Amino acid sequence: MAGYIGDVTMILWRNTATNKFVSYTPTQPVNSPTNISVEGGKGYIIVMRVKKEVIFEGRAWQNTL
């Protein structure tokens, strides 16, 4: 997601197993345990360097919740 959006300083989400927030920064290695795939039905907080409009295109999630 950080690569798609650009100018991202941090991505935050809540780990439902530990009930704690986890953060990912683009400076972390690709094999970092915090470098996860985006999942449907979950929320993500994106911290950006500059204000800009980001458009996501595609189909609705098919994940079973």
PDB file of N, CA and C in Angstrom:
ATOM      1  N   MET A   1       0.831  -1.175   0.000  1.00  0.00           N
ATOM      2  CA  MET A   1       0.000   0.000   0.000  1.00  0.00           C
ATOM      3  C   MET A   1       0.883   1.249   0.000  1.00  0.00           C
ATOM      4  N   ALA A   2       1.959   1.228   0.779  1.00  0.00           N
ATOM      5  CA  ALA A   2       2.847   2.390   0.838  1.00  0.00           C
ATOM      6  C   ALA A   2       3.442   2.688  -0.533  1.00  0.00           C
ATOM      7  N   GLY A   3       3.813   1.649  -1.267  1.00  0.00           N
ATOM      8  CA  GLY A   3       4.368   1.840  -2.598  1.00  0.00           C
ATOM      9  C   GLY A   3       3.353   2.399  -3.579  1.00  0.00           C
ATOM     10  N   TYR A   4       2.105   1.994  -3.450  1.00  0.00           N
ATOM     11  CA  TYR A   4       1.041   2.464  -4.336  1.00  0.00           C
ATOM     12  C   TYR A   4       0.721   3.934  -4.068  1.00  0.00           C
ATOM     13  N   ILE A   5       0.604   4.289  -2.797  1.00  0.00           N
ATOM     14  CA  ILE A   5       0.212   5.650  -2.419  1.00  0.00           C
ATOM     15  C   ILE A   5       1.366   6.625  -2.599  1.00  0.00           C
ATOM     16  N   GLY A   6       2.568   6.251  -2.163  1.00  0.00           N
ATOM     17  CA  GLY A   6       3.719   7.147  -2.190  1.00  0.00           C
ATOM     18  C   GLY A   6       3.649   8.161  -1.062  1.00  0.00           C
ATOM     19  N   ASP A   7       4.770   8.725  -0.673  1.00  0.00           N
ATOM     20  CA  ASP A   7       4.857   9.734   0.391  1.00  0.00           C
ATOM     21  C   ASP A   7       4.279   9.257   1.722  1.00  0.00           C
ATOM     22  N   VAL A   8       4.294   7.949   1.989  1.00  0.00           N
ATOM     23  CA  VAL A   8       3.766   7.398   3.242  1.00  0.00           C
ATOM     24  C   VAL A   8       4.888   7.326   4.271  1.00  0.00           C
ATOM     25  N   THR A   9       4.621   7.805   5.486  1.00  0.00           N
ATOM     26  CA  THR A   9       5.606   7.697   6.558  1.00  0.00           C
ATOM     27  C   THR A   9       5.301   6.529   7.486  1.00  0.00           C
ATOM     28  N   MET A  10       4.005   6.149   7.602  1.00  0.00           N
ATOM     29  CA  MET A  10       3.642   5.065   8.500  1.00  0.00           C
ATOM     30  C   MET A  10       2.256   4.529   8.159  1.00  0.00           C
ATOM     31  N   ILE A  11       2.068   3.228   8.367  1.00  0.00           N
ATOM     32  CA  ILE A  11       0.755   2.590   8.257  1.00  0.00           C
ATOM     33  C   ILE A  11       0.482   1.906   9.590  1.00  0.00           C
ATOM     34  N   LEU A  12      -0.694   2.141  10.149  1.00  0.00           N
ATOM     35  CA  LEU A  12      -1.074   1.551  11.435  1.00  0.00           C
ATOM     36  C   LEU A  12      -2.313   0.694  11.266  1.00  0.00           C
ATOM     37  N   TRP A  13      -2.419  -0.379  12.044  1.00  0.00           N
ATOM     38  CA  TRP A  13      -3.614  -1.220  12.100  1.00  0.00           C
ATOM     39  C   TRP A  13      -3.636  -1.925  13.440  1.00  0.00           C
ATOM     40  N   ARG A  14      -4.799  -2.471  13.792  1.00  0.00           N
ATOM     41  CA  ARG A  14      -4.936  -3.171  15.072  1.00  0.00           C
ATOM     42  C   ARG A  14      -4.787  -4.664  14.840  1.00  0.00           C
ATOM     43  N   ASN A  15      -3.882  -5.275  15.600  1.00  0.00           N
ATOM     44  CA  ASN A  15      -3.700  -6.719  15.578  1.00  0.00           C
ATOM     45  C   ASN A  15      -4.789  -7.319  16.459  1.00  0.00           C
ATOM     46  N   THR A  16      -5.726  -8.053  15.871  1.00  0.00           N
ATOM     47  CA  THR A  16      -6.858  -8.578  16.639  1.00  0.00           C
ATOM     48  C   THR A  16      -6.440  -9.678  17.615  1.00  0.00           C
ATOM     49  N   ALA A  17      -5.321 -10.345  17.370  1.00  0.00           N
ATOM     50  CA  ALA A  17      -4.851 -11.400  18.277  1.00  0.00           C
ATOM     51  C   ALA A  17      -4.304 -10.822  19.579  1.00  0.00           C
ATOM     52  N   THR A  18      -3.588  -9.684  19.480  1.00  0.00           N
ATOM     53  CA  THR A  18      -2.992  -9.073  20.673  1.00  0.00           C
ATOM     54  C   THR A  18      -3.782  -7.875  21.171  1.00  0.00           C
ATOM     55  N   ASN A  19      -4.742  -7.415  20.362  1.00  0.00           N
ATOM     56  CA  ASN A  19      -5.546  -6.224  20.668  1.00  0.00           C
ATOM     57  C   ASN A  19      -4.670  -4.982  20.851  1.00  0.00           C
ATOM     58  N   LYS A  20      -3.599  -4.897  20.052  1.00  0.00           N
ATOM     59  CA  LYS A  20      -2.690  -3.748  20.094  1.00  0.00           C
ATOM     60  C   LYS A  20      -2.496  -3.212  18.683  1.00  0.00           C
ATOM     61  N   PHE A  21      -2.170  -1.921  18.610  1.00  0.00           N
ATOM     62  CA  PHE A  21      -1.866  -1.331  17.313  1.00  0.00           C
ATOM     63  C   PHE A  21      -0.455  -1.709  16.898  1.00  0.00           C
ATOM     64  N   VAL A  22      -0.283  -1.932  15.597  1.00  0.00           N
ATOM     65  CA  VAL A  22       1.003  -2.285  15.004  1.00  0.00           C
ATOM     66  C   VAL A  22       1.308  -1.226  13.959  1.00  0.00           C
ATOM     67  N   SER A  23       2.585  -0.889  13.799  1.00  0.00           N
ATOM     68  CA  SER A  23       2.942   0.110  12.792  1.00  0.00           C
ATOM     69  C   SER A  23       3.958  -0.463  11.813  1.00  0.00           C
ATOM     70  N   TYR A  24       3.871   0.018  10.586  1.00  0.00           N
ATOM     71  CA  TYR A  24       4.823  -0.325   9.539  1.00  0.00           C
ATOM     72  C   TYR A  24       5.339   0.972   8.943  1.00  0.00           C
ATOM     73  N   THR A  25       6.639   1.071   8.743  1.00  0.00           N
ATOM     74  CA  THR A  25       7.218   2.214   8.044  1.00  0.00           C
ATOM     75  C   THR A  25       7.932   1.687   6.796  1.00  0.00           C
ATOM     76  N   PRO A  26       7.904   2.446   5.709  1.00  0.00           N
ATOM     77  CA  PRO A  26       8.539   1.989   4.468  1.00  0.00           C
ATOM     78  C   PRO A  26      10.042   1.741   4.590  1.00  0.00           C
ATOM     79  N   THR A  27      10.677   2.214   5.664  1.00  0.00           N
ATOM     80  CA  THR A  27      12.114   1.988   5.841  1.00  0.00           C
ATOM     81  C   THR A  27      12.416   0.614   6.430  1.00  0.00           C
ATOM     82  N   GLN A  28      11.388  -0.113   6.882  1.00  0.00           N
ATOM     83  CA  GLN A  28      11.602  -1.451   7.428  1.00  0.00           C
ATOM     84  C   GLN A  28      11.884  -2.432   6.293  1.00  0.00           C
ATOM     85  N   PRO A  29      12.628  -3.519   6.584  1.00  0.00           N
ATOM     86  CA  PRO A  29      12.925  -4.492   5.530  1.00  0.00           C
ATOM     87  C   PRO A  29      11.660  -5.166   4.991  1.00  0.00           C
ATOM     88  N   VAL A  30      11.726  -5.624   3.757  1.00  0.00           N
ATOM     89  CA  VAL A  30      10.584  -6.279   3.116  1.00  0.00           C
ATOM     90  C   VAL A  30      10.136  -7.507   3.909  1.00  0.00           C
ATOM     91  N   ASN A  31      11.068  -8.216   4.546  1.00  0.00           N
ATOM     92  CA  ASN A  31      10.721  -9.421   5.299  1.00  0.00           C
ATOM     93  C   ASN A  31      10.310  -9.131   6.744  1.00  0.00           C
ATOM     94  N   SER A  32      10.059  -7.872   7.075  1.00  0.00           N
ATOM     95  CA  SER A  32       9.615  -7.498   8.419  1.00  0.00           C
ATOM     96  C   SER A  32       8.254  -8.126   8.711  1.00  0.00           C
ATOM     97  N   PRO A  33       8.027  -8.614   9.944  1.00  0.00           N
ATOM     98  CA  PRO A  33       6.716  -9.185  10.278  1.00  0.00           C
ATOM     99  C   PRO A  33       5.588  -8.159  10.225  1.00  0.00           C
ATOM    100  N   THR A  34       5.922  -6.885  10.189  1.00  0.00           N
ATOM    101  CA  THR A  34       4.886  -5.851  10.089  1.00  0.00           C
ATOM    102  C   THR A  34       4.557  -5.492   8.645  1.00  0.00           C
ATOM    103  N   ASN A  35       5.266  -6.082   7.682  1.00  0.00           N
ATOM    104  CA  ASN A  35       4.984  -5.858   6.259  1.00  0.00           C
ATOM    105  C   ASN A  35       3.955  -6.903   5.835  1.00  0.00           C
ATOM    106  N   ILE A  36       2.669  -6.584   6.001  1.00  0.00           N
ATOM    107  CA  ILE A  36       1.593  -7.549   5.783  1.00  0.00           C
ATOM    108  C   ILE A  36       0.784  -7.205   4.536  1.00  0.00           C
ATOM    109  N   SER A  37      -0.033  -8.133   4.109  1.00  0.00           N
ATOM    110  CA  SER A  37      -0.961  -7.880   3.001  1.00  0.00           C
ATOM    111  C   SER A  37      -2.190  -7.149   3.520  1.00  0.00           C
ATOM    112  N   VAL A  38      -2.764  -6.312   2.682  1.00  0.00           N
ATOM    113  CA  VAL A  38      -4.003  -5.613   3.028  1.00  0.00           C
ATOM    114  C   VAL A  38      -5.141  -6.625   2.967  1.00  0.00           C
ATOM    115  N   GLU A  39      -6.019  -6.611   3.977  1.00  0.00           N
ATOM    116  CA  GLU A  39      -7.138  -7.548   4.041  1.00  0.00           C
ATOM    117  C   GLU A  39      -8.456  -6.796   4.068  1.00  0.00           C
ATOM    118  N   GLY A  40      -9.465  -7.367   3.428  1.00  0.00           N
ATOM    119  CA  GLY A  40     -10.803  -6.790   3.461  1.00  0.00           C
ATOM    120  C   GLY A  40     -11.392  -6.861   4.858  1.00  0.00           C
ATOM    121  N   GLY A  41     -12.234  -5.904   5.195  1.00  0.00           N
ATOM    122  CA  GLY A  41     -12.895  -5.897   6.493  1.00  0.00           C
ATOM    123  C   GLY A  41     -12.049  -5.337   7.616  1.00  0.00           C
ATOM    124  N   LYS A  42     -10.855  -4.845   7.309  1.00  0.00           N
ATOM    125  CA  LYS A  42      -9.980  -4.265   8.330  1.00  0.00           C
ATOM    126  C   LYS A  42      -9.727  -2.809   7.993  1.00  0.00           C
ATOM    127  N   GLY A  43      -9.419  -2.022   9.013  1.00  0.00           N
ATOM    128  CA  GLY A  43      -9.144  -0.604   8.816  1.00  0.00           C
ATOM    129  C   GLY A  43      -7.661  -0.312   8.947  1.00  0.00           C
ATOM    130  N   TYR A  44      -7.192   0.641   8.192  1.00  0.00           N
ATOM    131  CA  TYR A  44      -5.790   1.025   8.205  1.00  0.00           C
ATOM    132  C   TYR A  44      -5.700   2.536   8.321  1.00  0.00           C
ATOM    133  N   ILE A  45      -4.753   3.007   9.111  1.00  0.00           N
ATOM    134  CA  ILE A  45      -4.493   4.440   9.241  1.00  0.00           C
ATOM    135  C   ILE A  45      -3.216   4.715   8.462  1.00  0.00           C
ATOM    136  N   ILE A  46      -3.290   5.631   7.519  1.00  0.00           N
ATOM    137  CA  ILE A  46      -2.146   5.969   6.676  1.00  0.00           C
ATOM    138  C   ILE A  46      -1.659   7.362   7.052  1.00  0.00           C
ATOM    139  N   VAL A  47      -0.387   7.468   7.436  1.00  0.00           N
ATOM    140  CA  VAL A  47       0.223   8.758   7.750  1.00  0.00           C
ATOM    141  C   VAL A  47       1.089   9.139   6.549  1.00  0.00           C
ATOM    142  N   MET A  48       0.794  10.316   5.971  1.00  0.00           N
ATOM    143  CA  MET A  48       1.491  10.743   4.757  1.00  0.00           C
ATOM    144  C   MET A  48       2.314  12.000   5.004  1.00  0.00           C
ATOM    145  N   ARG A  49       3.338  12.196   4.190  1.00  0.00           N
ATOM    146  CA  ARG A  49       4.183  13.394   4.285  1.00  0.00           C
ATOM    147  C   ARG A  49       3.420  14.649   3.850  1.00  0.00           C
ATOM    148  N   VAL A  50       2.611  14.513   2.812  1.00  0.00           N
ATOM    149  CA  VAL A  50       1.870  15.651   2.272  1.00  0.00           C
ATOM    150  C   VAL A  50       0.422  15.248   2.014  1.00  0.00           C
ATOM    151  N   LYS A  51      -0.464  16.231   2.056  1.00  0.00           N
ATOM    152  CA  LYS A  51      -1.872  15.983   1.769  1.00  0.00           C
ATOM    153  C   LYS A  51      -2.029  15.765   0.270  1.00  0.00           C
ATOM    154  N   LYS A  52      -2.705  14.671  -0.107  1.00  0.00           N
ATOM    155  CA  LYS A  52      -2.990  14.442  -1.518  1.00  0.00           C
ATOM    156  C   LYS A  52      -4.152  13.465  -1.636  1.00  0.00           C
ATOM    157  N   GLU A  53      -4.813  13.486  -2.778  1.00  0.00           N
ATOM    158  CA  GLU A  53      -5.925  12.582  -3.039  1.00  0.00           C
ATOM    159  C   GLU A  53      -5.379  11.259  -3.563  1.00  0.00           C
ATOM    160  N   VAL A  54      -5.888  10.153  -3.027  1.00  0.00           N
ATOM    161  CA  VAL A  54      -5.494   8.818  -3.474  1.00  0.00           C
ATOM    162  C   VAL A  54      -6.755   8.093  -3.925  1.00  0.00           C
ATOM    163  N   ILE A  55      -6.742   7.549  -5.125  1.00  0.00           N
ATOM    164  CA  ILE A  55      -7.905   6.842  -5.662  1.00  0.00           C
ATOM    165  C   ILE A  55      -7.578   5.353  -5.756  1.00  0.00           C
ATOM    166  N   PHE A  56      -8.419   4.542  -5.126  1.00  0.00           N
ATOM    167  CA  PHE A  56      -8.284   3.088  -5.211  1.00  0.00           C
ATOM    168  C   PHE A  56      -9.344   2.578  -6.176  1.00  0.00           C
ATOM    169  N   GLU A  57      -8.940   1.731  -7.091  1.00  0.00           N
ATOM    170  CA  GLU A  57      -9.871   1.168  -8.063  1.00  0.00           C
ATOM    171  C   GLU A  57      -9.866  -0.345  -7.947  1.00  0.00           C
ATOM    172  N   GLY A  58     -10.980  -0.948  -8.306  1.00  0.00           N
ATOM    173  CA  GLY A  58     -11.044  -2.408  -8.278  1.00  0.00           C
ATOM    174  C   GLY A  58     -12.434  -2.879  -7.927  1.00  0.00           C
ATOM    175  N   ARG A  59     -12.527  -4.126  -7.513  1.00  0.00           N
ATOM    176  CA  ARG A  59     -13.805  -4.717  -7.149  1.00  0.00           C
ATOM    177  C   ARG A  59     -13.932  -4.818  -5.635  1.00  0.00           C
ATOM    178  N   ALA A  60     -15.145  -5.025  -5.168  1.00  0.00           N
ATOM    179  CA  ALA A  60     -15.402  -5.177  -3.732  1.00  0.00           C
ATOM    180  C   ALA A  60     -14.698  -6.432  -3.214  1.00  0.00           C
ATOM    181  N   TRP A  61     -14.336  -6.404  -1.922  1.00  0.00           N
ATOM    182  CA  TRP A  61     -13.681  -7.546  -1.285  1.00  0.00           C
ATOM    183  C   TRP A  61     -14.589  -8.754  -1.301  1.00  0.00           C
ATOM    184  N   GLN A  62     -13.994  -9.919  -1.435  1.00  0.00           N
ATOM    185  CA  GLN A  62     -14.736 -11.174  -1.388  1.00  0.00           C
ATOM    186  C   GLN A  62     -14.405 -11.973  -0.127  1.00  0.00           C
ATOM    187  N   ASN A  63     -13.646 -11.371   0.807  1.00  0.00           N
ATOM    188  CA  ASN A  63     -13.278 -12.070   2.045  1.00  0.00           C
ATOM    189  C   ASN A  63     -14.527 -12.453   2.824  1.00  0.00           C
ATOM    190  N   THR A  64     -14.478 -13.600   3.477  1.00  0.00           N
ATOM    191  CA  THR A  64     -15.553 -14.005   4.376  1.00  0.00           C
ATOM    192  C   THR A  64     -15.187 -13.528   5.769  1.00  0.00           C
ATOM    193  N   LEU A  65     -16.063 -12.755   6.382  1.00  0.00           N
ATOM    194  CA  LEU A  65     -15.777 -12.238   7.722  1.00  0.00           C
ATOM    195  C   LEU A  65     -16.396 -13.105   8.770  1.00  0.00           C
TER     196      LEU A  65
END
